[in-house]
Structures are given as C-alpha cells and as structure tokens.
Amino acid sequence: MRLTMILFSMIGTALAGSAVIAVLTMGYGTLWPIIGAAAAGAVLALPVSWYVAREIG
C-alpha cells in the first residue's frame, strides 16, 4: 500500500496534468472542464498506481 501511494503521487500528477492540457488544447478554458479533467486523471491514477505497484512488488 505504501508503494501504491508513492506511485500515486507521481502518476496522479502526470495523468491529471495531461488531462488538463488535453482539455485546454480542445478549447475548453473554463473552470469546470479543467476541474473535471484533473479529477478524472486523479481517479484514473488510482488503479494505474495499484497495477504498477503490484507489478513492481
């Protein structure tokens, strides 16, 4: 679980940031699409972090 949380701090930042950049590139510059993209990236990072931690350890 500890490795998962450490990985989440890095993977979550990368996925949320990529999602926000994708939303901005599509022309949605208002608050709610940006927050939604960041939240979606953070939620998606949970299973990805768990999977990566399982493969490492």
C-alpha atoms as a PDB file:
ATOM      1  CA  MET A   1       0.000   0.000   0.000  1.00  0.00           C
ATOM      2  CA  ARG A   2       2.862   2.361   0.747  1.00  0.00           C
ATOM      3  CA  LEU A   3       4.386   1.859  -2.704  1.00  0.00           C
ATOM      4  CA  THR A   4       0.977   2.458  -4.272  1.00  0.00           C
ATOM      5  CA  MET A   5       0.640   5.811  -2.532  1.00  0.00           C
ATOM      6  CA  ILE A   6       4.143   6.868  -3.515  1.00  0.00           C
ATOM      7  CA  LEU A   7       3.441   5.929  -7.120  1.00  0.00           C
ATOM      8  CA  PHE A   8       0.060   7.661  -6.980  1.00  0.00           C
ATOM      9  CA  SER A   9       1.727  10.951  -6.106  1.00  0.00           C
ATOM     10  CA  MET A  10       3.705  10.779  -9.336  1.00  0.00           C
ATOM     11  CA  ILE A  11       1.258   9.025 -11.655  1.00  0.00           C
ATOM     12  CA  GLY A  12      -1.678  11.115 -10.469  1.00  0.00           C
ATOM     13  CA  THR A  13       0.150  14.338 -11.175  1.00  0.00           C
ATOM     14  CA  ALA A  14       1.151  13.159 -14.637  1.00  0.00           C
ATOM     15  CA  LEU A  15      -2.310  11.919 -15.632  1.00  0.00           C
ATOM     16  CA  ALA A  16      -4.174  14.897 -14.190  1.00  0.00           C
ATOM     17  CA  GLY A  17      -1.772  17.318 -15.856  1.00  0.00           C
ATOM     18  CA  SER A  18      -2.051  15.532 -19.179  1.00  0.00           C
ATOM     19  CA  ALA A  19      -5.830  15.586 -18.976  1.00  0.00           C
ATOM     20  CA  VAL A  20      -5.870  19.305 -18.216  1.00  0.00           C
ATOM     21  CA  ILE A  21      -3.562  20.005 -21.155  1.00  0.00           C
ATOM     22  CA  ALA A  22      -5.804  17.910 -23.405  1.00  0.00           C
ATOM     23  CA  VAL A  23      -8.892  19.864 -22.279  1.00  0.00           C
ATOM     24  CA  LEU A  24      -7.158  23.199 -22.831  1.00  0.00           C
ATOM     25  CA  THR A  25      -5.983  22.072 -26.259  1.00  0.00           C
ATOM     26  CA  MET A  26      -9.576  21.227 -27.215  1.00  0.00           C
ATOM     27  CA  GLY A  27     -10.550  24.803 -26.421  1.00  0.00           C
ATOM     28  CA  TYR A  28     -12.331  24.365 -23.104  1.00  0.00           C
ATOM     29  CA  GLY A  29     -10.829  27.116 -20.995  1.00  0.00           C
ATOM     30  CA  THR A  30     -13.476  27.472 -18.307  1.00  0.00           C
ATOM     31  CA  LEU A  31     -13.258  26.252 -14.734  1.00  0.00           C
ATOM     32  CA  TRP A  32     -15.461  23.144 -14.742  1.00  0.00           C
ATOM     33  CA  PRO A  33     -13.898  21.278 -17.691  1.00  0.00           C
ATOM     34  CA  ILE A  34     -10.458  21.855 -16.181  1.00  0.00           C
ATOM     35  CA  ILE A  35     -11.549  20.621 -12.740  1.00  0.00           C
ATOM     36  CA  GLY A  36     -13.317  17.647 -14.313  1.00  0.00           C
ATOM     37  CA  ALA A  37     -10.238  16.688 -16.301  1.00  0.00           C
ATOM     38  CA  ALA A  38      -7.993  16.960 -13.253  1.00  0.00           C
ATOM     39  CA  ALA A  39     -10.410  14.865 -11.190  1.00  0.00           C
ATOM     40  CA  ALA A  40     -10.717  12.252 -13.932  1.00  0.00           C
ATOM     41  CA  GLY A  41      -6.936  11.997 -14.162  1.00  0.00           C
ATOM     42  CA  ALA A  42      -6.632  11.587 -10.403  1.00  0.00           C
ATOM     43  CA  VAL A  43      -9.333   8.909 -10.311  1.00  0.00           C
ATOM     44  CA  LEU A  44      -7.761   7.054 -13.232  1.00  0.00           C
ATOM     45  CA  ALA A  45      -4.401   7.149 -11.451  1.00  0.00           C
ATOM     46  CA  LEU A  46      -5.667   5.008  -8.554  1.00  0.00           C
ATOM     47  CA  PRO A  47      -5.987   1.705 -10.453  1.00  0.00           C
ATOM     48  CA  VAL A  48      -2.930   2.504 -12.561  1.00  0.00           C
ATOM     49  CA  SER A  49      -0.831   3.054  -9.428  1.00  0.00           C
ATOM     50  CA  TRP A  50      -2.148  -0.143  -7.871  1.00  0.00           C
ATOM     51  CA  TYR A  51      -1.315  -2.131 -11.009  1.00  0.00           C
ATOM     52  CA  VAL A  52       2.195  -0.682 -11.311  1.00  0.00           C
ATOM     53  CA  ALA A  53       2.891  -1.330  -7.607  1.00  0.00           C
ATOM     54  CA  ARG A  54       1.661  -4.906  -7.980  1.00  0.00           C
ATOM     55  CA  GLU A  55       3.952  -5.489 -10.960  1.00  0.00           C
ATOM     56  CA  ILE A  56       6.965  -3.986  -9.169  1.00  0.00           C
ATOM     57  CA  GLY A  57       6.485  -5.693  -5.831  1.00  0.00           C
END
